[in-house]
Amino acid sequence: PQINPRPSREALPLPERAALDDYLA
């Protein structure tokens, strides 16, 4: 959160569901 303030977060290359689920696991 220190690097990415809220207004900038939608423009990030956010992961797809499978990649995020894999990361959390």
PDBML (XML) file of the C-alpha atoms, coordinates in Angstrom:
<?xml version="1.0" encoding="UTF-8" ?>
<PDBx:datablock datablockName="MODEL"
   xmlns:PDBx="http://pdbml.pdb.org/schema/pdbx-v50.xsd"
   xmlns:xsi="http://www.w3.org/2001/XMLSchema-instance"
   xsi:schemaLocation="http://pdbml.pdb.org/schema/pdbx-v50.xsd pdbx-v50.xsd">
   <PDBx:atom_siteCategory>
      <PDBx:atom_site id="1">
         <PDBx:B_iso_or_equiv>0.00</PDBx:B_iso_or_equiv>
         <PDBx:Cartn_x>0.000</PDBx:Cartn_x>
         <PDBx:Cartn_y>0.000</PDBx:Cartn_y>
         <PDBx:Cartn_z>0.000</PDBx:Cartn_z>
         <PDBx:auth_asym_id>A</PDBx:auth_asym_id>
         <PDBx:auth_atom_id>CA</PDBx:auth_atom_id>
         <PDBx:auth_comp_id>PRO</PDBx:auth_comp_id>
         <PDBx:auth_seq_id>1</PDBx:auth_seq_id>
         <PDBx:group_PDB>ATOM</PDBx:group_PDB>
         <PDBx:label_alt_id xsi:nil="true" />
         <PDBx:label_asym_id>A</PDBx:label_asym_id>
         <PDBx:label_atom_id>CA</PDBx:label_atom_id>
         <PDBx:label_comp_id>PRO</PDBx:label_comp_id>
         <PDBx:label_entity_id>1</PDBx:label_entity_id>
         <PDBx:label_seq_id>1</PDBx:label_seq_id>
         <PDBx:occupancy>1.00</PDBx:occupancy>
         <PDBx:pdbx_PDB_model_num>1</PDBx:pdbx_PDB_model_num>
         <PDBx:type_symbol>C</PDBx:type_symbol>
      </PDBx:atom_site>
      <PDBx:atom_site id="2">
         <PDBx:B_iso_or_equiv>0.00</PDBx:B_iso_or_equiv>
         <PDBx:Cartn_x>2.898</PDBx:Cartn_x>
         <PDBx:Cartn_y>2.396</PDBx:Cartn_y>
         <PDBx:Cartn_z>0.486</PDBx:Cartn_z>
         <PDBx:auth_asym_id>A</PDBx:auth_asym_id>
         <PDBx:auth_atom_id>CA</PDBx:auth_atom_id>
         <PDBx:auth_comp_id>GLN</PDBx:auth_comp_id>
         <PDBx:auth_seq_id>2</PDBx:auth_seq_id>
         <PDBx:group_PDB>ATOM</PDBx:group_PDB>
         <PDBx:label_alt_id xsi:nil="true" />
         <PDBx:label_asym_id>A</PDBx:label_asym_id>
         <PDBx:label_atom_id>CA</PDBx:label_atom_id>
         <PDBx:label_comp_id>GLN</PDBx:label_comp_id>
         <PDBx:label_entity_id>1</PDBx:label_entity_id>
         <PDBx:label_seq_id>2</PDBx:label_seq_id>
         <PDBx:occupancy>1.00</PDBx:occupancy>
         <PDBx:pdbx_PDB_model_num>1</PDBx:pdbx_PDB_model_num>
         <PDBx:type_symbol>C</PDBx:type_symbol>
      </PDBx:atom_site>
      <PDBx:atom_site id="3">
         <PDBx:B_iso_or_equiv>0.00</PDBx:B_iso_or_equiv>
         <PDBx:Cartn_x>3.988</PDBx:Cartn_x>
         <PDBx:Cartn_y>2.003</PDBx:Cartn_y>
         <PDBx:Cartn_z>-3.131</PDBx:Cartn_z>
         <PDBx:auth_asym_id>A</PDBx:auth_asym_id>
         <PDBx:auth_atom_id>CA</PDBx:auth_atom_id>
         <PDBx:auth_comp_id>ILE</PDBx:auth_comp_id>
         <PDBx:auth_seq_id>3</PDBx:auth_seq_id>
         <PDBx:group_PDB>ATOM</PDBx:group_PDB>
         <PDBx:label_alt_id xsi:nil="true" />
         <PDBx:label_asym_id>A</PDBx:label_asym_id>
         <PDBx:label_atom_id>CA</PDBx:label_atom_id>
         <PDBx:label_comp_id>ILE</PDBx:label_comp_id>
         <PDBx:label_entity_id>1</PDBx:label_entity_id>
         <PDBx:label_seq_id>3</PDBx:label_seq_id>
         <PDBx:occupancy>1.00</PDBx:occupancy>
         <PDBx:pdbx_PDB_model_num>1</PDBx:pdbx_PDB_model_num>
         <PDBx:type_symbol>C</PDBx:type_symbol>
      </PDBx:atom_site>
      <PDBx:atom_site id="4">
         <PDBx:B_iso_or_equiv>0.00</PDBx:B_iso_or_equiv>
         <PDBx:Cartn_x>0.495</PDBx:Cartn_x>
         <PDBx:Cartn_y>1.958</PDBx:Cartn_y>
         <PDBx:Cartn_z>-4.650</PDBx:Cartn_z>
         <PDBx:auth_asym_id>A</PDBx:auth_asym_id>
         <PDBx:auth_atom_id>CA</PDBx:auth_atom_id>
         <PDBx:auth_comp_id>ASN</PDBx:auth_comp_id>
         <PDBx:auth_seq_id>4</PDBx:auth_seq_id>
         <PDBx:group_PDB>ATOM</PDBx:group_PDB>
         <PDBx:label_alt_id xsi:nil="true" />
         <PDBx:label_asym_id>A</PDBx:label_asym_id>
         <PDBx:label_atom_id>CA</PDBx:label_atom_id>
         <PDBx:label_comp_id>ASN</PDBx:label_comp_id>
         <PDBx:label_entity_id>1</PDBx:label_entity_id>
         <PDBx:label_seq_id>4</PDBx:label_seq_id>
         <PDBx:occupancy>1.00</PDBx:occupancy>
         <PDBx:pdbx_PDB_model_num>1</PDBx:pdbx_PDB_model_num>
         <PDBx:type_symbol>C</PDBx:type_symbol>
      </PDBx:atom_site>
      <PDBx:atom_site id="5">
         <PDBx:B_iso_or_equiv>0.00</PDBx:B_iso_or_equiv>
         <PDBx:Cartn_x>-1.959</PDBx:Cartn_x>
         <PDBx:Cartn_y>4.609</PDBx:Cartn_y>
         <PDBx:Cartn_z>-3.374</PDBx:Cartn_z>
         <PDBx:auth_asym_id>A</PDBx:auth_asym_id>
         <PDBx:auth_atom_id>CA</PDBx:auth_atom_id>
         <PDBx:auth_comp_id>PRO</PDBx:auth_comp_id>
         <PDBx:auth_seq_id>5</PDBx:auth_seq_id>
         <PDBx:group_PDB>ATOM</PDBx:group_PDB>
         <PDBx:label_alt_id xsi:nil="true" />
         <PDBx:label_asym_id>A</PDBx:label_asym_id>
         <PDBx:label_atom_id>CA</PDBx:label_atom_id>
         <PDBx:label_comp_id>PRO</PDBx:label_comp_id>
         <PDBx:label_entity_id>1</PDBx:label_entity_id>
         <PDBx:label_seq_id>5</PDBx:label_seq_id>
         <PDBx:occupancy>1.00</PDBx:occupancy>
         <PDBx:pdbx_PDB_model_num>1</PDBx:pdbx_PDB_model_num>
         <PDBx:type_symbol>C</PDBx:type_symbol>
      </PDBx:atom_site>
      <PDBx:atom_site id="6">
         <PDBx:B_iso_or_equiv>0.00</PDBx:B_iso_or_equiv>
         <PDBx:Cartn_x>-5.643</PDBx:Cartn_x>
         <PDBx:Cartn_y>3.776</PDBx:Cartn_y>
         <PDBx:Cartn_z>-3.819</PDBx:Cartn_z>
         <PDBx:auth_asym_id>A</PDBx:auth_asym_id>
         <PDBx:auth_atom_id>CA</PDBx:auth_atom_id>
         <PDBx:auth_comp_id>ARG</PDBx:auth_comp_id>
         <PDBx:auth_seq_id>6</PDBx:auth_seq_id>
         <PDBx:group_PDB>ATOM</PDBx:group_PDB>
         <PDBx:label_alt_id xsi:nil="true" />
         <PDBx:label_asym_id>A</PDBx:label_asym_id>
         <PDBx:label_atom_id>CA</PDBx:label_atom_id>
         <PDBx:label_comp_id>ARG</PDBx:label_comp_id>
         <PDBx:label_entity_id>1</PDBx:label_entity_id>
         <PDBx:label_seq_id>6</PDBx:label_seq_id>
         <PDBx:occupancy>1.00</PDBx:occupancy>
         <PDBx:pdbx_PDB_model_num>1</PDBx:pdbx_PDB_model_num>
         <PDBx:type_symbol>C</PDBx:type_symbol>
      </PDBx:atom_site>
      <PDBx:atom_site id="7">
         <PDBx:B_iso_or_equiv>0.00</PDBx:B_iso_or_equiv>
         <PDBx:Cartn_x>-6.373</PDBx:Cartn_x>
         <PDBx:Cartn_y>5.840</PDBx:Cartn_y>
         <PDBx:Cartn_z>-6.948</PDBx:Cartn_z>
         <PDBx:auth_asym_id>A</PDBx:auth_asym_id>
         <PDBx:auth_atom_id>CA</PDBx:auth_atom_id>
         <PDBx:auth_comp_id>PRO</PDBx:auth_comp_id>
         <PDBx:auth_seq_id>7</PDBx:auth_seq_id>
         <PDBx:group_PDB>ATOM</PDBx:group_PDB>
         <PDBx:label_alt_id xsi:nil="true" />
         <PDBx:label_asym_id>A</PDBx:label_asym_id>
         <PDBx:label_atom_id>CA</PDBx:label_atom_id>
         <PDBx:label_comp_id>PRO</PDBx:label_comp_id>
         <PDBx:label_entity_id>1</PDBx:label_entity_id>
         <PDBx:label_seq_id>7</PDBx:label_seq_id>
         <PDBx:occupancy>1.00</PDBx:occupancy>
         <PDBx:pdbx_PDB_model_num>1</PDBx:pdbx_PDB_model_num>
         <PDBx:type_symbol>C</PDBx:type_symbol>
      </PDBx:atom_site>
      <PDBx:atom_site id="8">
         <PDBx:B_iso_or_equiv>0.00</PDBx:B_iso_or_equiv>
         <PDBx:Cartn_x>-3.628</PDBx:Cartn_x>
         <PDBx:Cartn_y>3.950</PDBx:Cartn_y>
         <PDBx:Cartn_z>-8.838</PDBx:Cartn_z>
         <PDBx:auth_asym_id>A</PDBx:auth_asym_id>
         <PDBx:auth_atom_id>CA</PDBx:auth_atom_id>
         <PDBx:auth_comp_id>SER</PDBx:auth_comp_id>
         <PDBx:auth_seq_id>8</PDBx:auth_seq_id>
         <PDBx:group_PDB>ATOM</PDBx:group_PDB>
         <PDBx:label_alt_id xsi:nil="true" />
         <PDBx:label_asym_id>A</PDBx:label_asym_id>
         <PDBx:label_atom_id>CA</PDBx:label_atom_id>
         <PDBx:label_comp_id>SER</PDBx:label_comp_id>
         <PDBx:label_entity_id>1</PDBx:label_entity_id>
         <PDBx:label_seq_id>8</PDBx:label_seq_id>
         <PDBx:occupancy>1.00</PDBx:occupancy>
         <PDBx:pdbx_PDB_model_num>1</PDBx:pdbx_PDB_model_num>
         <PDBx:type_symbol>C</PDBx:type_symbol>
      </PDBx:atom_site>
      <PDBx:atom_site id="9">
         <PDBx:B_iso_or_equiv>0.00</PDBx:B_iso_or_equiv>
         <PDBx:Cartn_x>-4.655</PDBx:Cartn_x>
         <PDBx:Cartn_y>0.406</PDBx:Cartn_y>
         <PDBx:Cartn_z>-7.987</PDBx:Cartn_z>
         <PDBx:auth_asym_id>A</PDBx:auth_asym_id>
         <PDBx:auth_atom_id>CA</PDBx:auth_atom_id>
         <PDBx:auth_comp_id>ARG</PDBx:auth_comp_id>
         <PDBx:auth_seq_id>9</PDBx:auth_seq_id>
         <PDBx:group_PDB>ATOM</PDBx:group_PDB>
         <PDBx:label_alt_id xsi:nil="true" />
         <PDBx:label_asym_id>A</PDBx:label_asym_id>
         <PDBx:label_atom_id>CA</PDBx:label_atom_id>
         <PDBx:label_comp_id>ARG</PDBx:label_comp_id>
         <PDBx:label_entity_id>1</PDBx:label_entity_id>
         <PDBx:label_seq_id>9</PDBx:label_seq_id>
         <PDBx:occupancy>1.00</PDBx:occupancy>
         <PDBx:pdbx_PDB_model_num>1</PDBx:pdbx_PDB_model_num>
         <PDBx:type_symbol>C</PDBx:type_symbol>
      </PDBx:atom_site>
      <PDBx:atom_site id="10">
         <PDBx:B_iso_or_equiv>0.00</PDBx:B_iso_or_equiv>
         <PDBx:Cartn_x>-7.217</PDBx:Cartn_x>
         <PDBx:Cartn_y>-0.247</PDBx:Cartn_y>
         <PDBx:Cartn_z>-10.711</PDBx:Cartn_z>
         <PDBx:auth_asym_id>A</PDBx:auth_asym_id>
         <PDBx:auth_atom_id>CA</PDBx:auth_atom_id>
         <PDBx:auth_comp_id>GLU</PDBx:auth_comp_id>
         <PDBx:auth_seq_id>10</PDBx:auth_seq_id>
         <PDBx:group_PDB>ATOM</PDBx:group_PDB>
         <PDBx:label_alt_id xsi:nil="true" />
         <PDBx:label_asym_id>A</PDBx:label_asym_id>
         <PDBx:label_atom_id>CA</PDBx:label_atom_id>
         <PDBx:label_comp_id>GLU</PDBx:label_comp_id>
         <PDBx:label_entity_id>1</PDBx:label_entity_id>
         <PDBx:label_seq_id>10</PDBx:label_seq_id>
         <PDBx:occupancy>1.00</PDBx:occupancy>
         <PDBx:pdbx_PDB_model_num>1</PDBx:pdbx_PDB_model_num>
         <PDBx:type_symbol>C</PDBx:type_symbol>
      </PDBx:atom_site>
      <PDBx:atom_site id="11">
         <PDBx:B_iso_or_equiv>0.00</PDBx:B_iso_or_equiv>
         <PDBx:Cartn_x>-4.532</PDBx:Cartn_x>
         <PDBx:Cartn_y>0.464</PDBx:Cartn_y>
         <PDBx:Cartn_z>-13.344</PDBx:Cartn_z>
         <PDBx:auth_asym_id>A</PDBx:auth_asym_id>
         <PDBx:auth_atom_id>CA</PDBx:auth_atom_id>
         <PDBx:auth_comp_id>ALA</PDBx:auth_comp_id>
         <PDBx:auth_seq_id>11</PDBx:auth_seq_id>
         <PDBx:group_PDB>ATOM</PDBx:group_PDB>
         <PDBx:label_alt_id xsi:nil="true" />
         <PDBx:label_asym_id>A</PDBx:label_asym_id>
         <PDBx:label_atom_id>CA</PDBx:label_atom_id>
         <PDBx:label_comp_id>ALA</PDBx:label_comp_id>
         <PDBx:label_entity_id>1</PDBx:label_entity_id>
         <PDBx:label_seq_id>11</PDBx:label_seq_id>
         <PDBx:occupancy>1.00</PDBx:occupancy>
         <PDBx:pdbx_PDB_model_num>1</PDBx:pdbx_PDB_model_num>
         <PDBx:type_symbol>C</PDBx:type_symbol>
      </PDBx:atom_site>
      <PDBx:atom_site id="12">
         <PDBx:B_iso_or_equiv>0.00</PDBx:B_iso_or_equiv>
         <PDBx:Cartn_x>-2.209</PDBx:Cartn_x>
         <PDBx:Cartn_y>-2.201</PDBx:Cartn_y>
         <PDBx:Cartn_z>-11.915</PDBx:Cartn_z>
         <PDBx:auth_asym_id>A</PDBx:auth_asym_id>
         <PDBx:auth_atom_id>CA</PDBx:auth_atom_id>
         <PDBx:auth_comp_id>LEU</PDBx:auth_comp_id>
         <PDBx:auth_seq_id>12</PDBx:auth_seq_id>
         <PDBx:group_PDB>ATOM</PDBx:group_PDB>
         <PDBx:label_alt_id xsi:nil="true" />
         <PDBx:label_asym_id>A</PDBx:label_asym_id>
         <PDBx:label_atom_id>CA</PDBx:label_atom_id>
         <PDBx:label_comp_id>LEU</PDBx:label_comp_id>
         <PDBx:label_entity_id>1</PDBx:label_entity_id>
         <PDBx:label_seq_id>12</PDBx:label_seq_id>
         <PDBx:occupancy>1.00</PDBx:occupancy>
         <PDBx:pdbx_PDB_model_num>1</PDBx:pdbx_PDB_model_num>
         <PDBx:type_symbol>C</PDBx:type_symbol>
      </PDBx:atom_site>
      <PDBx:atom_site id="13">
         <PDBx:B_iso_or_equiv>0.00</PDBx:B_iso_or_equiv>
         <PDBx:Cartn_x>-1.850</PDBx:Cartn_x>
         <PDBx:Cartn_y>-5.495</PDBx:Cartn_y>
         <PDBx:Cartn_z>-13.838</PDBx:Cartn_z>
         <PDBx:auth_asym_id>A</PDBx:auth_asym_id>
         <PDBx:auth_atom_id>CA</PDBx:auth_atom_id>
         <PDBx:auth_comp_id>PRO</PDBx:auth_comp_id>
         <PDBx:auth_seq_id>13</PDBx:auth_seq_id>
         <PDBx:group_PDB>ATOM</PDBx:group_PDB>
         <PDBx:label_alt_id xsi:nil="true" />
         <PDBx:label_asym_id>A</PDBx:label_asym_id>
         <PDBx:label_atom_id>CA</PDBx:label_atom_id>
         <PDBx:label_comp_id>PRO</PDBx:label_comp_id>
         <PDBx:label_entity_id>1</PDBx:label_entity_id>
         <PDBx:label_seq_id>13</PDBx:label_seq_id>
         <PDBx:occupancy>1.00</PDBx:occupancy>
         <PDBx:pdbx_PDB_model_num>1</PDBx:pdbx_PDB_model_num>
         <PDBx:type_symbol>C</PDBx:type_symbol>
      </PDBx:atom_site>
      <PDBx:atom_site id="14">
         <PDBx:B_iso_or_equiv>0.00</PDBx:B_iso_or_equiv>
         <PDBx:Cartn_x>-3.931</PDBx:Cartn_x>
         <PDBx:Cartn_y>-7.257</PDBx:Cartn_y>
         <PDBx:Cartn_z>-11.208</PDBx:Cartn_z>
         <PDBx:auth_asym_id>A</PDBx:auth_asym_id>
         <PDBx:auth_atom_id>CA</PDBx:auth_atom_id>
         <PDBx:auth_comp_id>LEU</PDBx:auth_comp_id>
         <PDBx:auth_seq_id>14</PDBx:auth_seq_id>
         <PDBx:group_PDB>ATOM</PDBx:group_PDB>
         <PDBx:label_alt_id xsi:nil="true" />
         <PDBx:label_asym_id>A</PDBx:label_asym_id>
         <PDBx:label_atom_id>CA</PDBx:label_atom_id>
         <PDBx:label_comp_id>LEU</PDBx:label_comp_id>
         <PDBx:label_entity_id>1</PDBx:label_entity_id>
         <PDBx:label_seq_id>14</PDBx:label_seq_id>
         <PDBx:occupancy>1.00</PDBx:occupancy>
         <PDBx:pdbx_PDB_model_num>1</PDBx:pdbx_PDB_model_num>
         <PDBx:type_symbol>C</PDBx:type_symbol>
      </PDBx:atom_site>
      <PDBx:atom_site id="15">
         <PDBx:B_iso_or_equiv>0.00</PDBx:B_iso_or_equiv>
         <PDBx:Cartn_x>-3.931</PDBx:Cartn_x>
         <PDBx:Cartn_y>-11.053</PDBx:Cartn_y>
         <PDBx:Cartn_z>-11.423</PDBx:Cartn_z>
         <PDBx:auth_asym_id>A</PDBx:auth_asym_id>
         <PDBx:auth_atom_id>CA</PDBx:auth_atom_id>
         <PDBx:auth_comp_id>PRO</PDBx:auth_comp_id>
         <PDBx:auth_seq_id>15</PDBx:auth_seq_id>
         <PDBx:group_PDB>ATOM</PDBx:group_PDB>
         <PDBx:label_alt_id xsi:nil="true" />
         <PDBx:label_asym_id>A</PDBx:label_asym_id>
         <PDBx:label_atom_id>CA</PDBx:label_atom_id>
         <PDBx:label_comp_id>PRO</PDBx:label_comp_id>
         <PDBx:label_entity_id>1</PDBx:label_entity_id>
         <PDBx:label_seq_id>15</PDBx:label_seq_id>
         <PDBx:occupancy>1.00</PDBx:occupancy>
         <PDBx:pdbx_PDB_model_num>1</PDBx:pdbx_PDB_model_num>
         <PDBx:type_symbol>C</PDBx:type_symbol>
      </PDBx:atom_site>
      <PDBx:atom_site id="16">
         <PDBx:B_iso_or_equiv>0.00</PDBx:B_iso_or_equiv>
         <PDBx:Cartn_x>-6.697</PDBx:Cartn_x>
         <PDBx:Cartn_y>-13.278</PDBx:Cartn_y>
         <PDBx:Cartn_z>-12.704</PDBx:Cartn_z>
         <PDBx:auth_asym_id>A</PDBx:auth_asym_id>
         <PDBx:auth_atom_id>CA</PDBx:auth_atom_id>
         <PDBx:auth_comp_id>GLU</PDBx:auth_comp_id>
         <PDBx:auth_seq_id>16</PDBx:auth_seq_id>
         <PDBx:group_PDB>ATOM</PDBx:group_PDB>
         <PDBx:label_alt_id xsi:nil="true" />
         <PDBx:label_asym_id>A</PDBx:label_asym_id>
         <PDBx:label_atom_id>CA</PDBx:label_atom_id>
         <PDBx:label_comp_id>GLU</PDBx:label_comp_id>
         <PDBx:label_entity_id>1</PDBx:label_entity_id>
         <PDBx:label_seq_id>16</PDBx:label_seq_id>
         <PDBx:occupancy>1.00</PDBx:occupancy>
         <PDBx:pdbx_PDB_model_num>1</PDBx:pdbx_PDB_model_num>
         <PDBx:type_symbol>C</PDBx:type_symbol>
      </PDBx:atom_site>
      <PDBx:atom_site id="17">
         <PDBx:B_iso_or_equiv>0.00</PDBx:B_iso_or_equiv>
         <PDBx:Cartn_x>-8.579</PDBx:Cartn_x>
         <PDBx:Cartn_y>-15.496</PDBx:Cartn_y>
         <PDBx:Cartn_z>-10.277</PDBx:Cartn_z>
         <PDBx:auth_asym_id>A</PDBx:auth_asym_id>
         <PDBx:auth_atom_id>CA</PDBx:auth_atom_id>
         <PDBx:auth_comp_id>ARG</PDBx:auth_comp_id>
         <PDBx:auth_seq_id>17</PDBx:auth_seq_id>
         <PDBx:group_PDB>ATOM</PDBx:group_PDB>
         <PDBx:label_alt_id xsi:nil="true" />
         <PDBx:label_asym_id>A</PDBx:label_asym_id>
         <PDBx:label_atom_id>CA</PDBx:label_atom_id>
         <PDBx:label_comp_id>ARG</PDBx:label_comp_id>
         <PDBx:label_entity_id>1</PDBx:label_entity_id>
         <PDBx:label_seq_id>17</PDBx:label_seq_id>
         <PDBx:occupancy>1.00</PDBx:occupancy>
         <PDBx:pdbx_PDB_model_num>1</PDBx:pdbx_PDB_model_num>
         <PDBx:type_symbol>C</PDBx:type_symbol>
      </PDBx:atom_site>
      <PDBx:atom_site id="18">
         <PDBx:B_iso_or_equiv>0.00</PDBx:B_iso_or_equiv>
         <PDBx:Cartn_x>-6.448</PDBx:Cartn_x>
         <PDBx:Cartn_y>-18.623</PDBx:Cartn_y>
         <PDBx:Cartn_z>-10.763</PDBx:Cartn_z>
         <PDBx:auth_asym_id>A</PDBx:auth_asym_id>
         <PDBx:auth_atom_id>CA</PDBx:auth_atom_id>
         <PDBx:auth_comp_id>ALA</PDBx:auth_comp_id>
         <PDBx:auth_seq_id>18</PDBx:auth_seq_id>
         <PDBx:group_PDB>ATOM</PDBx:group_PDB>
         <PDBx:label_alt_id xsi:nil="true" />
         <PDBx:label_asym_id>A</PDBx:label_asym_id>
         <PDBx:label_atom_id>CA</PDBx:label_atom_id>
         <PDBx:label_comp_id>ALA</PDBx:label_comp_id>
         <PDBx:label_entity_id>1</PDBx:label_entity_id>
         <PDBx:label_seq_id>18</PDBx:label_seq_id>
         <PDBx:occupancy>1.00</PDBx:occupancy>
         <PDBx:pdbx_PDB_model_num>1</PDBx:pdbx_PDB_model_num>
         <PDBx:type_symbol>C</PDBx:type_symbol>
      </PDBx:atom_site>
      <PDBx:atom_site id="19">
         <PDBx:B_iso_or_equiv>0.00</PDBx:B_iso_or_equiv>
         <PDBx:Cartn_x>-3.191</PDBx:Cartn_x>
         <PDBx:Cartn_y>-16.738</PDBx:Cartn_y>
         <PDBx:Cartn_z>-10.254</PDBx:Cartn_z>
         <PDBx:auth_asym_id>A</PDBx:auth_asym_id>
         <PDBx:auth_atom_id>CA</PDBx:auth_atom_id>
         <PDBx:auth_comp_id>ALA</PDBx:auth_comp_id>
         <PDBx:auth_seq_id>19</PDBx:auth_seq_id>
         <PDBx:group_PDB>ATOM</PDBx:group_PDB>
         <PDBx:label_alt_id xsi:nil="true" />
         <PDBx:label_asym_id>A</PDBx:label_asym_id>
         <PDBx:label_atom_id>CA</PDBx:label_atom_id>
         <PDBx:label_comp_id>ALA</PDBx:label_comp_id>
         <PDBx:label_entity_id>1</PDBx:label_entity_id>
         <PDBx:label_seq_id>19</PDBx:label_seq_id>
         <PDBx:occupancy>1.00</PDBx:occupancy>
         <PDBx:pdbx_PDB_model_num>1</PDBx:pdbx_PDB_model_num>
         <PDBx:type_symbol>C</PDBx:type_symbol>
      </PDBx:atom_site>
      <PDBx:atom_site id="20">
         <PDBx:B_iso_or_equiv>0.00</PDBx:B_iso_or_equiv>
         <PDBx:Cartn_x>-4.463</PDBx:Cartn_x>
         <PDBx:Cartn_y>-14.986</PDBx:Cartn_y>
         <PDBx:Cartn_z>-7.131</PDBx:Cartn_z>
         <PDBx:auth_asym_id>A</PDBx:auth_asym_id>
         <PDBx:auth_atom_id>CA</PDBx:auth_atom_id>
         <PDBx:auth_comp_id>LEU</PDBx:auth_comp_id>
         <PDBx:auth_seq_id>20</PDBx:auth_seq_id>
         <PDBx:group_PDB>ATOM</PDBx:group_PDB>
         <PDBx:label_alt_id xsi:nil="true" />
         <PDBx:label_asym_id>A</PDBx:label_asym_id>
         <PDBx:label_atom_id>CA</PDBx:label_atom_id>
         <PDBx:label_comp_id>LEU</PDBx:label_comp_id>
         <PDBx:label_entity_id>1</PDBx:label_entity_id>
         <PDBx:label_seq_id>20</PDBx:label_seq_id>
         <PDBx:occupancy>1.00</PDBx:occupancy>
         <PDBx:pdbx_PDB_model_num>1</PDBx:pdbx_PDB_model_num>
         <PDBx:type_symbol>C</PDBx:type_symbol>
      </PDBx:atom_site>
      <PDBx:atom_site id="21">
         <PDBx:B_iso_or_equiv>0.00</PDBx:B_iso_or_equiv>
         <PDBx:Cartn_x>-5.869</PDBx:Cartn_x>
         <PDBx:Cartn_y>-18.199</PDBx:Cartn_y>
         <PDBx:Cartn_z>-5.659</PDBx:Cartn_z>
         <PDBx:auth_asym_id>A</PDBx:auth_asym_id>
         <PDBx:auth_atom_id>CA</PDBx:auth_atom_id>
         <PDBx:auth_comp_id>ASP</PDBx:auth_comp_id>
         <PDBx:auth_seq_id>21</PDBx:auth_seq_id>
         <PDBx:group_PDB>ATOM</PDBx:group_PDB>
         <PDBx:label_alt_id xsi:nil="true" />
         <PDBx:label_asym_id>A</PDBx:label_asym_id>
         <PDBx:label_atom_id>CA</PDBx:label_atom_id>
         <PDBx:label_comp_id>ASP</PDBx:label_comp_id>
         <PDBx:label_entity_id>1</PDBx:label_entity_id>
         <PDBx:label_seq_id>21</PDBx:label_seq_id>
         <PDBx:occupancy>1.00</PDBx:occupancy>
         <PDBx:pdbx_PDB_model_num>1</PDBx:pdbx_PDB_model_num>
         <PDBx:type_symbol>C</PDBx:type_symbol>
      </PDBx:atom_site>
      <PDBx:atom_site id="22">
         <PDBx:B_iso_or_equiv>0.00</PDBx:B_iso_or_equiv>
         <PDBx:Cartn_x>-2.536</PDBx:Cartn_x>
         <PDBx:Cartn_y>-19.899</PDBx:Cartn_y>
         <PDBx:Cartn_z>-6.302</PDBx:Cartn_z>
         <PDBx:auth_asym_id>A</PDBx:auth_asym_id>
         <PDBx:auth_atom_id>CA</PDBx:auth_atom_id>
         <PDBx:auth_comp_id>ASP</PDBx:auth_comp_id>
         <PDBx:auth_seq_id>22</PDBx:auth_seq_id>
         <PDBx:group_PDB>ATOM</PDBx:group_PDB>
         <PDBx:label_alt_id xsi:nil="true" />
         <PDBx:label_asym_id>A</PDBx:label_asym_id>
         <PDBx:label_atom_id>CA</PDBx:label_atom_id>
         <PDBx:label_comp_id>ASP</PDBx:label_comp_id>
         <PDBx:label_entity_id>1</PDBx:label_entity_id>
         <PDBx:label_seq_id>22</PDBx:label_seq_id>
         <PDBx:occupancy>1.00</PDBx:occupancy>
         <PDBx:pdbx_PDB_model_num>1</PDBx:pdbx_PDB_model_num>
         <PDBx:type_symbol>C</PDBx:type_symbol>
      </PDBx:atom_site>
      <PDBx:atom_site id="23">
         <PDBx:B_iso_or_equiv>0.00</PDBx:B_iso_or_equiv>
         <PDBx:Cartn_x>-0.646</PDBx:Cartn_x>
         <PDBx:Cartn_y>-17.076</PDBx:Cartn_y>
         <PDBx:Cartn_z>-4.612</PDBx:Cartn_z>
         <PDBx:auth_asym_id>A</PDBx:auth_asym_id>
         <PDBx:auth_atom_id>CA</PDBx:auth_atom_id>
         <PDBx:auth_comp_id>TYR</PDBx:auth_comp_id>
         <PDBx:auth_seq_id>23</PDBx:auth_seq_id>
         <PDBx:group_PDB>ATOM</PDBx:group_PDB>
         <PDBx:label_alt_id xsi:nil="true" />
         <PDBx:label_asym_id>A</PDBx:label_asym_id>
         <PDBx:label_atom_id>CA</PDBx:label_atom_id>
         <PDBx:label_comp_id>TYR</PDBx:label_comp_id>
         <PDBx:label_entity_id>1</PDBx:label_entity_id>
         <PDBx:label_seq_id>23</PDBx:label_seq_id>
         <PDBx:occupancy>1.00</PDBx:occupancy>
         <PDBx:pdbx_PDB_model_num>1</PDBx:pdbx_PDB_model_num>
         <PDBx:type_symbol>C</PDBx:type_symbol>
      </PDBx:atom_site>
      <PDBx:atom_site id="24">
         <PDBx:B_iso_or_equiv>0.00</PDBx:B_iso_or_equiv>
         <PDBx:Cartn_x>-2.864</PDBx:Cartn_x>
         <PDBx:Cartn_y>-17.117</PDBx:Cartn_y>
         <PDBx:Cartn_z>-1.512</PDBx:Cartn_z>
         <PDBx:auth_asym_id>A</PDBx:auth_asym_id>
         <PDBx:auth_atom_id>CA</PDBx:auth_atom_id>
         <PDBx:auth_comp_id>LEU</PDBx:auth_comp_id>
         <PDBx:auth_seq_id>24</PDBx:auth_seq_id>
         <PDBx:group_PDB>ATOM</PDBx:group_PDB>
         <PDBx:label_alt_id xsi:nil="true" />
         <PDBx:label_asym_id>A</PDBx:label_asym_id>
         <PDBx:label_atom_id>CA</PDBx:label_atom_id>
         <PDBx:label_comp_id>LEU</PDBx:label_comp_id>
         <PDBx:label_entity_id>1</PDBx:label_entity_id>
         <PDBx:label_seq_id>24</PDBx:label_seq_id>
         <PDBx:occupancy>1.00</PDBx:occupancy>
         <PDBx:pdbx_PDB_model_num>1</PDBx:pdbx_PDB_model_num>
         <PDBx:type_symbol>C</PDBx:type_symbol>
      </PDBx:atom_site>
      <PDBx:atom_site id="25">
         <PDBx:B_iso_or_equiv>0.00</PDBx:B_iso_or_equiv>
         <PDBx:Cartn_x>-2.552</PDBx:Cartn_x>
         <PDBx:Cartn_y>-20.915</PDBx:Cartn_y>
         <PDBx:Cartn_z>-1.271</PDBx:Cartn_z>
         <PDBx:auth_asym_id>A</PDBx:auth_asym_id>
         <PDBx:auth_atom_id>CA</PDBx:auth_atom_id>
         <PDBx:auth_comp_id>ALA</PDBx:auth_comp_id>
         <PDBx:auth_seq_id>25</PDBx:auth_seq_id>
         <PDBx:group_PDB>ATOM</PDBx:group_PDB>
         <PDBx:label_alt_id xsi:nil="true" />
         <PDBx:label_asym_id>A</PDBx:label_asym_id>
         <PDBx:label_atom_id>CA</PDBx:label_atom_id>
         <PDBx:label_comp_id>ALA</PDBx:label_comp_id>
         <PDBx:label_entity_id>1</PDBx:label_entity_id>
         <PDBx:label_seq_id>25</PDBx:label_seq_id>
         <PDBx:occupancy>1.00</PDBx:occupancy>
         <PDBx:pdbx_PDB_model_num>1</PDBx:pdbx_PDB_model_num>
         <PDBx:type_symbol>C</PDBx:type_symbol>
      </PDBx:atom_site>
   </PDBx:atom_siteCategory>
</PDBx:datablock>
